[in-house]
Each structure stands twice: as C-alpha cells, then as structure tokens.
Protein backbone atom coordinates (compact mmCIF):
# COMPACT_ATOMS: atom_id res chain seq x y z
CA MET A 1 102.45 101.42 126.02
CA ARG A 2 98.96 102.91 126.09
CA CYS A 3 96.96 104.84 123.52
CA GLU A 4 93.36 106.02 123.83
CA GLY A 5 92.48 103.51 126.54
CA ARG A 6 94.14 100.56 124.81
CA GLN A 7 97.23 98.91 126.26
CA ALA A 8 99.99 96.91 124.56
CA ASP A 9 103.01 94.96 125.71
CA GLY A 10 106.07 96.70 124.27
CA ARG A 11 107.89 93.39 123.97
CA SER A 12 105.46 92.25 121.27
CA ILE A 13 105.29 93.97 117.89
CA LEU A 14 101.89 92.36 117.27
CA SER A 15 100.60 93.77 120.55
CA LEU A 16 101.93 97.22 119.64
CA MET A 17 100.28 97.04 116.23
CA THR A 18 96.89 96.39 117.85
CA LEU A 19 97.06 99.84 119.43
CA GLY A 20 96.28 101.32 116.05
CA ALA A 21 98.06 104.53 117.05
CA ALA A 22 97.87 106.95 114.13
CA HIS A 23 100.47 109.61 113.35
CA GLY A 24 100.18 112.30 116.00
CA ALA A 25 98.48 110.06 118.56
CA GLU A 26 99.45 110.58 122.20
CA LEU A 27 101.16 107.56 123.72
CA GLU A 28 101.80 106.79 127.37
CA LEU A 29 104.93 104.78 128.13
CA GLU A 30 105.53 102.74 131.27
CA ALA A 31 108.49 100.56 132.19
CA GLU A 32 109.60 98.87 135.37
CA GLY A 33 112.66 97.06 136.59
CA GLU A 34 116.35 97.54 136.10
CA GLY A 35 117.09 99.94 133.26
CA ALA A 36 113.48 101.15 133.05
CA GLN A 37 114.40 104.84 133.23
CA ASP A 38 117.07 104.42 130.54
CA LEU A 39 114.57 102.62 128.31
CA ILE A 40 111.98 105.39 128.67
CA GLN A 41 114.59 108.04 127.85
CA ALA A 42 115.74 106.11 124.77
CA LEU A 43 112.14 105.77 123.54
CA ILE A 44 111.50 109.47 124.10
CA GLN A 45 114.57 110.33 122.03
CA LEU A 46 113.54 107.87 119.30
CA PHE A 47 110.08 109.43 119.01
CA ALA A 48 111.43 113.00 119.26
CA GLY A 49 113.89 112.28 116.46
CA GLY A 50 111.16 110.95 114.18
CA PHE A 51 112.75 107.48 114.27
CA SER A 52 115.68 108.83 112.25
CA GLU A 53 117.90 106.11 113.76
CA LEU A 54 115.93 103.59 111.73
CA ASP A 55 116.67 105.23 108.37
C-alpha cells in the first residue's frame, strides 16, 4: 500500500500505521501472486463500504 510517496507492507499493521494516511487520503494498492486480484477487489469493497464489515 502506498500513500503520498510512503510505502507499507500490507501484512504488517505496524507498517500500515506508519503511512499516517488521514481520512480522505488517496491510497494505492498493489498485490501479486495467487489470489492477488481477489484481494484487491475485497479491499476496494471494504474501503467503498466504509469498513462496515468491521462494525
């Protein structure tokens, strides 16, 4: 995941937190390997739904 020139490993919550992405920030997602496309689609839906699955 990337935000404003900073990059984080999506497998690490600490790494993601160091992005410091504020509400409304534009994020760039990248995944590779088996299931990468499905992962990206799931993340897009999660963000689009305002993380309502977590409520």
